[in-house]
Amino acid sequence: MRDTLVLNASFEPLSTVTLNRAVVLVLQDKAVVEQSHPELRVRAQAVELPVPRVIRLCRYVRVPFRRHAPWSRRGVLVRDQHRCAYCGRKATTVDHVVPKAQGGGDTWLNTVASCAEDNHRKADRTPEQAGMPLLRGPFVPSPTDAMLFGLGTAEREALPEWLAPSA
């Protein structure tokens, strides 16, 4: 089961919480269900409610501004939709465009999703040196998109309707 997206009272994404925490927030009247799973329900002795996918807090919560999304391997895989940046097949690992041995680091602009075969074939070379052009280049996701990446599992992405439209 995926986590539940929490929106601020102003409908801005804040974080994700477990299903249990989302249900508690709704039952305590601290949040309302904005979107629920169409077929699943949470039942207890005296209460029944739809399984929440998205909840909205009833009171506005002030949060500090986040300028950059923190880098993570999982985030890179989800950002690239679990597709290899070199061949387009299923990606299972992360490759450094500029290898660490040549001074590259763990950053959004230096890492792409890769299948194990292409990662091994490229080795400690740049894509140009290896003759392996990128099908799509790396990019820095917004902090909101990075938070939504956390909702995906190893095989799935965050629900598409949650992602901000591309500019």
N, C-alpha and C. Protein backbone atom coordinates (compact mmCIF):
# COMPACT_ATOMS: atom_id res chain seq x y z
N MET A 1 0.86 -1.18 0.00
CA MET A 1 0.00 0.00 0.00
C MET A 1 0.89 1.23 0.00
N ARG A 2 0.57 2.19 -0.81
CA ARG A 2 1.33 3.43 -0.89
C ARG A 2 1.06 4.28 0.34
N ASP A 3 1.95 5.21 0.58
CA ASP A 3 1.72 6.19 1.63
C ASP A 3 0.66 7.17 1.17
N THR A 4 0.21 7.99 2.09
CA THR A 4 -0.81 8.99 1.81
C THR A 4 -0.16 10.35 1.69
N LEU A 5 -0.53 11.09 0.66
CA LEU A 5 -0.02 12.44 0.44
C LEU A 5 -0.76 13.39 1.37
N VAL A 6 -0.01 14.26 2.04
CA VAL A 6 -0.60 15.26 2.94
C VAL A 6 -0.46 16.63 2.29
N LEU A 7 -1.59 17.30 2.14
CA LEU A 7 -1.61 18.66 1.60
C LEU A 7 -1.81 19.64 2.74
N ASN A 8 -1.22 20.81 2.60
CA ASN A 8 -1.47 21.88 3.56
C ASN A 8 -2.89 22.38 3.33
N ALA A 9 -3.39 23.22 4.21
CA ALA A 9 -4.73 23.77 4.06
C ALA A 9 -4.85 24.56 2.75
N SER A 10 -3.70 25.03 2.25
CA SER A 10 -3.66 25.79 0.99
C SER A 10 -3.49 24.88 -0.23
N PHE A 11 -3.61 23.58 -0.04
CA PHE A 11 -3.50 22.55 -1.09
C PHE A 11 -2.08 22.34 -1.60
N GLU A 12 -1.07 22.85 -0.90
CA GLU A 12 0.33 22.60 -1.27
C GLU A 12 0.78 21.28 -0.68
N PRO A 13 1.52 20.45 -1.42
CA PRO A 13 2.01 19.19 -0.86
C PRO A 13 2.99 19.45 0.28
N LEU A 14 2.82 18.73 1.38
CA LEU A 14 3.69 18.88 2.54
C LEU A 14 4.60 17.68 2.72
N SER A 15 4.00 16.49 2.74
CA SER A 15 4.77 15.28 3.02
C SER A 15 3.90 14.08 2.71
N THR A 16 4.41 12.93 3.08
CA THR A 16 3.63 11.71 3.00
C THR A 16 3.60 11.09 4.39
N VAL A 17 2.54 10.37 4.68
CA VAL A 17 2.42 9.68 5.96
C VAL A 17 1.89 8.28 5.70
N THR A 18 2.03 7.42 6.69
CA THR A 18 1.51 6.06 6.58
C THR A 18 -0.01 6.10 6.57
N LEU A 19 -0.61 5.03 6.14
CA LEU A 19 -2.07 4.93 6.14
C LEU A 19 -2.61 5.10 7.55
N ASN A 20 -1.97 4.47 8.53
CA ASN A 20 -2.43 4.59 9.92
C ASN A 20 -2.44 6.04 10.39
N ARG A 21 -1.36 6.77 10.11
CA ARG A 21 -1.28 8.17 10.53
C ARG A 21 -2.34 9.00 9.82
N ALA A 22 -2.58 8.74 8.55
CA ALA A 22 -3.60 9.48 7.79
C ALA A 22 -4.98 9.26 8.39
N VAL A 23 -5.29 8.02 8.74
CA VAL A 23 -6.59 7.72 9.33
C VAL A 23 -6.74 8.43 10.68
N VAL A 24 -5.69 8.44 11.49
CA VAL A 24 -5.74 9.12 12.78
C VAL A 24 -5.99 10.61 12.58
N LEU A 25 -5.29 11.23 11.63
CA LEU A 25 -5.50 12.67 11.39
C LEU A 25 -6.94 12.96 10.97
N VAL A 26 -7.52 12.09 10.15
CA VAL A 26 -8.91 12.29 9.71
C VAL A 26 -9.86 12.08 10.89
N LEU A 27 -9.65 11.03 11.66
CA LEU A 27 -10.54 10.76 12.80
C LEU A 27 -10.46 11.83 13.88
N GLN A 28 -9.30 12.49 14.00
CA GLN A 28 -9.15 13.57 14.98
C GLN A 28 -9.62 14.92 14.41
N ASP A 29 -10.20 14.90 13.23
CA ASP A 29 -10.68 16.11 12.56
C ASP A 29 -9.58 17.12 12.32
N LYS A 30 -8.34 16.64 12.16
CA LYS A 30 -7.22 17.50 11.82
C LYS A 30 -7.00 17.55 10.31
N ALA A 31 -7.64 16.62 9.59
CA ALA A 31 -7.51 16.56 8.13
C ALA A 31 -8.80 16.02 7.53
N VAL A 32 -8.98 16.32 6.25
CA VAL A 32 -10.12 15.78 5.50
C VAL A 32 -9.58 14.99 4.32
N VAL A 33 -10.33 14.00 3.90
CA VAL A 33 -9.93 13.16 2.76
C VAL A 33 -10.26 13.91 1.48
N GLU A 34 -9.25 14.17 0.66
CA GLU A 34 -9.46 14.84 -0.63
C GLU A 34 -9.60 13.82 -1.76
N GLN A 35 -8.88 12.71 -1.65
CA GLN A 35 -8.97 11.65 -2.66
C GLN A 35 -8.80 10.33 -1.93
N SER A 36 -9.64 9.37 -2.29
CA SER A 36 -9.56 8.07 -1.63
C SER A 36 -9.47 6.97 -2.67
N HIS A 37 -9.09 5.81 -2.20
CA HIS A 37 -9.04 4.64 -3.08
C HIS A 37 -10.48 4.26 -3.39
N PRO A 38 -10.82 4.03 -4.66
CA PRO A 38 -12.23 3.83 -5.03
C PRO A 38 -12.87 2.57 -4.44
N GLU A 39 -12.09 1.56 -4.11
CA GLU A 39 -12.68 0.29 -3.69
C GLU A 39 -12.34 -0.13 -2.26
N LEU A 40 -11.34 0.50 -1.65
CA LEU A 40 -10.90 0.06 -0.33
C LEU A 40 -11.47 0.94 0.77
N ARG A 41 -11.77 0.32 1.91
CA ARG A 41 -12.30 1.04 3.05
C ARG A 41 -11.59 0.57 4.31
N VAL A 42 -11.48 1.49 5.29
CA VAL A 42 -10.95 1.17 6.61
C VAL A 42 -12.15 0.99 7.52
N ARG A 43 -12.21 -0.16 8.20
CA ARG A 43 -13.35 -0.43 9.07
C ARG A 43 -12.87 -0.71 10.48
N ALA A 44 -13.63 -0.17 11.43
CA ALA A 44 -13.42 -0.46 12.85
C ALA A 44 -14.80 -0.69 13.44
N GLN A 45 -14.86 -0.92 14.73
CA GLN A 45 -16.13 -1.25 15.36
C GLN A 45 -17.18 -0.16 15.15
N ALA A 46 -16.78 1.09 15.30
CA ALA A 46 -17.77 2.18 15.22
C ALA A 46 -17.55 3.14 14.06
N VAL A 47 -16.61 2.84 13.17
CA VAL A 47 -16.31 3.80 12.10
C VAL A 47 -15.93 3.05 10.82
N GLU A 48 -16.27 3.68 9.71
CA GLU A 48 -15.88 3.16 8.39
C GLU A 48 -15.59 4.37 7.51
N LEU A 49 -14.42 4.35 6.85
CA LEU A 49 -14.10 5.44 5.94
C LEU A 49 -13.26 4.91 4.78
N PRO A 50 -13.29 5.63 3.66
CA PRO A 50 -12.51 5.19 2.50
C PRO A 50 -11.01 5.30 2.79
N VAL A 51 -10.22 4.42 2.19
CA VAL A 51 -8.77 4.47 2.36
C VAL A 51 -8.25 5.73 1.68
N PRO A 52 -7.67 6.65 2.47
CA PRO A 52 -7.24 7.93 1.87
C PRO A 52 -5.96 7.80 1.06
N ARG A 53 -5.96 8.43 -0.11
CA ARG A 53 -4.76 8.58 -0.93
C ARG A 53 -4.17 9.97 -0.71
N VAL A 54 -5.06 10.96 -0.58
CA VAL A 54 -4.65 12.35 -0.36
C VAL A 54 -5.52 12.93 0.75
N ILE A 55 -4.86 13.54 1.73
CA ILE A 55 -5.60 14.25 2.77
C ILE A 55 -5.14 15.70 2.80
N ARG A 56 -6.02 16.58 3.29
CA ARG A 56 -5.69 18.00 3.41
C ARG A 56 -5.88 18.41 4.85
N LEU A 57 -4.86 19.07 5.41
CA LEU A 57 -4.95 19.54 6.78
C LEU A 57 -6.00 20.63 6.89
N CYS A 58 -6.69 20.67 8.00
CA CYS A 58 -7.73 21.68 8.22
C CYS A 58 -7.14 23.04 8.60
N ARG A 59 -5.95 23.02 9.21
CA ARG A 59 -5.27 24.27 9.59
C ARG A 59 -3.99 24.40 8.79
N TYR A 60 -3.66 25.61 8.41
CA TYR A 60 -2.45 25.89 7.65
C TYR A 60 -1.21 25.66 8.52
N VAL A 61 -0.22 24.98 7.97
CA VAL A 61 1.04 24.74 8.67
C VAL A 61 2.13 25.48 7.91
N ARG A 62 2.84 26.35 8.63
CA ARG A 62 3.93 27.11 7.99
C ARG A 62 5.17 26.24 7.96
N VAL A 63 5.76 26.10 6.77
CA VAL A 63 6.97 25.29 6.62
C VAL A 63 8.08 26.14 6.02
N PRO A 64 9.33 25.88 6.41
CA PRO A 64 10.43 26.64 5.83
C PRO A 64 10.58 26.30 4.35
N PHE A 65 11.04 27.28 3.58
CA PHE A 65 11.23 27.11 2.15
C PHE A 65 12.37 26.14 1.87
N ARG A 66 12.12 25.18 1.00
CA ARG A 66 13.17 24.24 0.59
C ARG A 66 13.59 24.59 -0.83
N ARG A 67 14.82 24.99 -0.99
CA ARG A 67 15.31 25.44 -2.28
C ARG A 67 15.67 24.27 -3.19
N HIS A 68 16.27 23.23 -2.62
CA HIS A 68 16.75 22.10 -3.43
C HIS A 68 16.19 20.78 -2.92
N ALA A 69 15.93 19.89 -3.83
CA ALA A 69 15.49 18.54 -3.46
C ALA A 69 16.73 17.72 -3.09
N PRO A 70 16.68 16.98 -2.00
CA PRO A 70 17.83 16.15 -1.64
C PRO A 70 17.99 15.00 -2.62
N TRP A 71 19.24 14.71 -3.01
CA TRP A 71 19.53 13.64 -3.96
C TRP A 71 19.39 12.29 -3.28
N SER A 72 18.87 11.30 -4.02
CA SER A 72 18.84 9.93 -3.53
C SER A 72 18.83 8.99 -4.73
N ARG A 73 19.34 7.79 -4.53
CA ARG A 73 19.34 6.78 -5.60
C ARG A 73 17.90 6.46 -6.01
N ARG A 74 17.05 6.26 -5.01
CA ARG A 74 15.65 5.94 -5.30
C ARG A 74 15.00 7.07 -6.09
N GLY A 75 15.31 8.32 -5.70
CA GLY A 75 14.76 9.47 -6.41
C GLY A 75 15.19 9.52 -7.87
N VAL A 76 16.45 9.16 -8.14
CA VAL A 76 16.95 9.14 -9.52
C VAL A 76 16.19 8.08 -10.33
N LEU A 77 16.01 6.90 -9.75
CA LEU A 77 15.29 5.84 -10.46
C LEU A 77 13.86 6.25 -10.77
N VAL A 78 13.19 6.85 -9.81
CA VAL A 78 11.81 7.26 -10.03
C VAL A 78 11.75 8.43 -11.00
N ARG A 79 12.68 9.40 -10.84
CA ARG A 79 12.72 10.55 -11.76
C ARG A 79 12.82 10.07 -13.21
N ASP A 80 13.66 9.05 -13.43
CA ASP A 80 13.87 8.52 -14.78
C ASP A 80 12.90 7.39 -15.13
N GLN A 81 11.88 7.21 -14.31
CA GLN A 81 10.81 6.24 -14.54
C GLN A 81 11.33 4.81 -14.68
N HIS A 82 12.38 4.50 -13.94
CA HIS A 82 12.97 3.14 -13.94
C HIS A 82 13.34 2.69 -15.36
N ARG A 83 13.76 3.65 -16.18
CA ARG A 83 14.18 3.36 -17.56
C ARG A 83 15.63 3.74 -17.72
N CYS A 84 16.41 2.86 -18.35
CA CYS A 84 17.83 3.10 -18.57
C CYS A 84 18.02 4.31 -19.49
N ALA A 85 18.88 5.21 -19.09
CA ALA A 85 19.14 6.42 -19.87
C ALA A 85 19.94 6.12 -21.14
N TYR A 86 20.49 4.92 -21.25
CA TYR A 86 21.31 4.56 -22.42
C TYR A 86 20.54 3.71 -23.43
N CYS A 87 19.72 2.76 -22.96
CA CYS A 87 19.04 1.86 -23.90
C CYS A 87 17.52 1.88 -23.77
N GLY A 88 16.98 2.43 -22.68
CA GLY A 88 15.54 2.50 -22.49
C GLY A 88 14.93 1.28 -21.81
N ARG A 89 15.73 0.25 -21.53
CA ARG A 89 15.20 -0.93 -20.84
C ARG A 89 15.01 -0.62 -19.35
N LYS A 90 14.54 -1.61 -18.60
CA LYS A 90 14.31 -1.44 -17.16
C LYS A 90 15.63 -1.15 -16.45
N ALA A 91 15.63 -0.09 -15.66
CA ALA A 91 16.83 0.31 -14.91
C ALA A 91 16.76 -0.26 -13.50
N THR A 92 17.89 -0.74 -13.02
CA THR A 92 17.96 -1.30 -11.67
C THR A 92 19.04 -0.62 -10.83
N THR A 93 19.81 0.26 -11.44
CA THR A 93 20.91 0.90 -10.73
C THR A 93 21.05 2.34 -11.19
N VAL A 94 21.96 3.05 -10.55
CA VAL A 94 22.22 4.45 -10.90
C VAL A 94 23.64 4.56 -11.43
N ASP A 95 23.81 5.29 -12.52
CA ASP A 95 25.12 5.48 -13.14
C ASP A 95 25.53 6.94 -13.03
N HIS A 96 26.81 7.16 -12.82
CA HIS A 96 27.35 8.52 -12.77
C HIS A 96 27.78 8.92 -14.19
N VAL A 97 27.23 10.00 -14.71
CA VAL A 97 27.57 10.48 -16.06
C VAL A 97 29.07 10.75 -16.11
N VAL A 98 29.56 11.56 -15.18
CA VAL A 98 31.01 11.74 -15.00
C VAL A 98 31.36 10.82 -13.83
N PRO A 99 32.12 9.76 -14.09
CA PRO A 99 32.41 8.78 -13.03
C PRO A 99 33.05 9.41 -11.80
N LYS A 100 32.80 8.78 -10.65
CA LYS A 100 33.40 9.26 -9.41
C LYS A 100 34.92 9.27 -9.52
N ALA A 101 35.49 8.31 -10.25
CA ALA A 101 36.94 8.24 -10.42
C ALA A 101 37.48 9.46 -11.16
N GLN A 102 36.62 10.15 -11.92
CA GLN A 102 37.03 11.34 -12.66
C GLN A 102 36.51 12.62 -12.00
N GLY A 103 36.06 12.51 -10.75
CA GLY A 103 35.64 13.69 -10.02
C GLY A 103 34.14 13.93 -9.98
N GLY A 104 33.34 13.04 -10.56
CA GLY A 104 31.89 13.20 -10.53
C GLY A 104 31.33 12.85 -9.16
N GLY A 105 30.19 13.41 -8.82
CA GLY A 105 29.62 13.16 -7.51
C GLY A 105 28.18 12.70 -7.59
N ASP A 106 27.60 12.50 -6.41
CA ASP A 106 26.21 12.09 -6.30
C ASP A 106 25.32 13.33 -6.36
N THR A 107 25.00 13.78 -7.57
CA THR A 107 24.14 14.94 -7.75
C THR A 107 23.07 14.59 -8.78
N TRP A 108 21.99 15.38 -8.78
CA TRP A 108 20.91 15.15 -9.74
C TRP A 108 21.40 15.27 -11.18
N LEU A 109 22.32 16.21 -11.44
CA LEU A 109 22.77 16.44 -12.82
C LEU A 109 23.89 15.50 -13.25
N ASN A 110 24.41 14.68 -12.34
CA ASN A 110 25.48 13.76 -12.69
C ASN A 110 25.06 12.30 -12.59
N THR A 111 23.81 12.02 -12.30
CA THR A 111 23.38 10.63 -12.18
C THR A 111 22.14 10.38 -13.03
N VAL A 112 22.10 9.17 -13.58
CA VAL A 112 20.95 8.73 -14.37
C VAL A 112 20.65 7.28 -14.02
N ALA A 113 19.42 6.88 -14.27
CA ALA A 113 19.05 5.47 -14.08
C ALA A 113 19.70 4.65 -15.19
N SER A 114 20.09 3.43 -14.85
CA SER A 114 20.79 2.60 -15.82
C SER A 114 20.49 1.13 -15.55
N CYS A 115 20.50 0.34 -16.62
CA CYS A 115 20.42 -1.10 -16.42
C CYS A 115 21.83 -1.58 -16.04
N ALA A 116 21.92 -2.69 -15.36
CA ALA A 116 23.21 -3.19 -14.88
C ALA A 116 24.18 -3.44 -16.03
N GLU A 117 23.66 -3.94 -17.15
CA GLU A 117 24.52 -4.24 -18.30
C GLU A 117 25.18 -2.98 -18.86
N ASP A 118 24.40 -1.92 -19.05
CA ASP A 118 24.97 -0.67 -19.58
C ASP A 118 25.88 0.01 -18.56
N ASN A 119 25.54 -0.09 -17.29
CA ASN A 119 26.38 0.48 -16.25
C ASN A 119 27.75 -0.20 -16.26
N HIS A 120 27.75 -1.51 -16.40
CA HIS A 120 29.01 -2.27 -16.45
C HIS A 120 29.79 -1.95 -17.72
N ARG A 121 29.06 -1.86 -18.85
CA ARG A 121 29.71 -1.59 -20.14
C ARG A 121 30.33 -0.19 -20.18
N LYS A 122 29.67 0.78 -19.59
CA LYS A 122 30.19 2.14 -19.57
C LYS A 122 31.40 2.25 -18.64
N ALA A 123 31.36 1.53 -17.53
CA ALA A 123 32.45 1.48 -16.54
C ALA A 123 32.85 2.89 -16.09
N ASP A 124 34.14 3.14 -15.96
CA ASP A 124 34.64 4.44 -15.47
C ASP A 124 34.95 5.40 -16.62
N ARG A 125 33.98 5.53 -17.54
CA ARG A 125 34.14 6.44 -18.67
C ARG A 125 32.93 7.35 -18.75
N THR A 126 33.08 8.45 -19.44
CA THR A 126 31.94 9.32 -19.69
C THR A 126 31.14 8.70 -20.84
N PRO A 127 29.88 9.10 -21.04
CA PRO A 127 29.11 8.56 -22.16
C PRO A 127 29.80 8.78 -23.51
N GLU A 128 30.47 9.92 -23.67
CA GLU A 128 31.17 10.20 -24.93
C GLU A 128 32.34 9.23 -25.11
N GLN A 129 33.12 9.02 -24.05
CA GLN A 129 34.26 8.10 -24.13
C GLN A 129 33.81 6.68 -24.43
N ALA A 130 32.65 6.29 -23.91
CA ALA A 130 32.15 4.93 -24.09
C ALA A 130 31.34 4.78 -25.36
N GLY A 131 31.05 5.88 -26.06
CA GLY A 131 30.23 5.81 -27.26
C GLY A 131 28.79 5.44 -26.94
N MET A 132 28.30 5.89 -25.79
CA MET A 132 26.94 5.57 -25.33
C MET A 132 26.18 6.86 -25.06
N PRO A 133 25.54 7.45 -26.06
CA PRO A 133 24.82 8.71 -25.83
C PRO A 133 23.60 8.51 -24.92
N LEU A 134 23.30 9.53 -24.16
CA LEU A 134 22.12 9.50 -23.29
C LEU A 134 20.85 9.70 -24.10
N LEU A 135 19.83 8.89 -23.84
CA LEU A 135 18.54 9.06 -24.51
C LEU A 135 17.83 10.31 -23.98
N ARG A 136 18.04 10.60 -22.69
CA ARG A 136 17.49 11.81 -22.07
C ARG A 136 18.45 12.24 -20.97
N GLY A 137 18.61 13.52 -20.84
CA GLY A 137 19.57 14.05 -19.89
C GLY A 137 19.02 14.13 -18.48
N PRO A 138 19.90 14.17 -17.50
CA PRO A 138 19.47 14.32 -16.12
C PRO A 138 18.97 15.74 -15.86
N PHE A 139 18.11 15.89 -14.85
CA PHE A 139 17.61 17.21 -14.47
C PHE A 139 17.39 17.23 -12.97
N VAL A 140 17.28 18.43 -12.44
CA VAL A 140 17.04 18.61 -11.00
C VAL A 140 15.54 18.74 -10.78
N PRO A 141 14.93 17.81 -10.04
CA PRO A 141 13.49 17.94 -9.78
C PRO A 141 13.23 19.00 -8.72
N SER A 142 12.02 19.51 -8.71
CA SER A 142 11.65 20.46 -7.67
C SER A 142 11.54 19.72 -6.34
N PRO A 143 11.63 20.42 -5.22
CA PRO A 143 11.47 19.75 -3.93
C PRO A 143 10.13 19.02 -3.81
N THR A 144 9.07 19.59 -4.38
CA THR A 144 7.76 18.94 -4.33
C THR A 144 7.78 17.64 -5.12
N ASP A 145 8.36 17.66 -6.33
CA ASP A 145 8.43 16.44 -7.12
C ASP A 145 9.28 15.38 -6.41
N ALA A 146 10.36 15.80 -5.79
CA ALA A 146 11.22 14.85 -5.07
C ALA A 146 10.46 14.21 -3.92
N MET A 147 9.63 14.99 -3.23
CA MET A 147 8.83 14.42 -2.16
C MET A 147 7.84 13.42 -2.72
N LEU A 148 7.26 13.73 -3.86
CA LEU A 148 6.31 12.81 -4.48
C LEU A 148 7.00 11.55 -4.98
N PHE A 149 8.29 11.65 -5.36
CA PHE A 149 9.03 10.47 -5.76
C PHE A 149 9.03 9.44 -4.63
N GLY A 150 9.06 9.92 -3.42
CA GLY A 150 9.09 9.03 -2.26
C GLY A 150 7.84 8.19 -2.14
N LEU A 151 6.77 8.58 -2.81
CA LEU A 151 5.54 7.81 -2.77
C LEU A 151 5.62 6.56 -3.64
N GLY A 152 6.51 6.54 -4.64
CA GLY A 152 6.60 5.40 -5.53
C GLY A 152 7.28 4.24 -4.85
N THR A 153 7.03 3.04 -5.36
CA THR A 153 7.74 1.87 -4.87
C THR A 153 8.82 1.55 -5.88
N ALA A 154 9.51 0.46 -5.71
CA ALA A 154 10.60 0.11 -6.63
C ALA A 154 10.10 -0.09 -8.05
N GLU A 155 8.85 -0.45 -8.22
CA GLU A 155 8.34 -0.75 -9.56
C GLU A 155 7.36 0.29 -10.09
N ARG A 156 6.86 1.16 -9.20
CA ARG A 156 5.83 2.10 -9.62
C ARG A 156 6.24 3.52 -9.31
N GLU A 157 5.57 4.45 -9.98
CA GLU A 157 5.82 5.87 -9.72
C GLU A 157 4.74 6.39 -8.80
N ALA A 158 4.89 7.61 -8.38
CA ALA A 158 3.83 8.29 -7.66
C ALA A 158 2.64 8.42 -8.61
N LEU A 159 1.47 8.55 -8.05
CA LEU A 159 0.29 8.68 -8.89
C LEU A 159 0.45 9.88 -9.81
N PRO A 160 0.25 9.69 -11.13
CA PRO A 160 0.51 10.77 -12.09
C PRO A 160 -0.28 12.04 -11.82
N GLU A 161 -1.49 11.92 -11.29
CA GLU A 161 -2.30 13.12 -11.06
C GLU A 161 -1.74 13.98 -9.95
N TRP A 162 -0.79 13.45 -9.15
CA TRP A 162 -0.18 14.23 -8.08
C TRP A 162 0.96 15.10 -8.58
N LEU A 163 1.57 14.72 -9.69
CA LEU A 163 2.75 15.44 -10.16
C LEU A 163 2.37 16.76 -10.80
N ALA A 164 3.20 17.76 -10.57
CA ALA A 164 2.95 19.09 -11.14
C ALA A 164 3.09 19.04 -12.65
N PRO A 165 2.27 19.79 -13.38
CA PRO A 165 2.42 19.80 -14.84
C PRO A 165 3.77 20.38 -15.24
N SER A 166 4.34 19.83 -16.30
CA SER A 166 5.64 20.31 -16.79
C SER A 166 5.49 21.68 -17.41
N ALA A 167 6.49 22.51 -17.21
CA ALA A 167 6.44 23.87 -17.77
C ALA A 167 6.94 23.88 -19.19
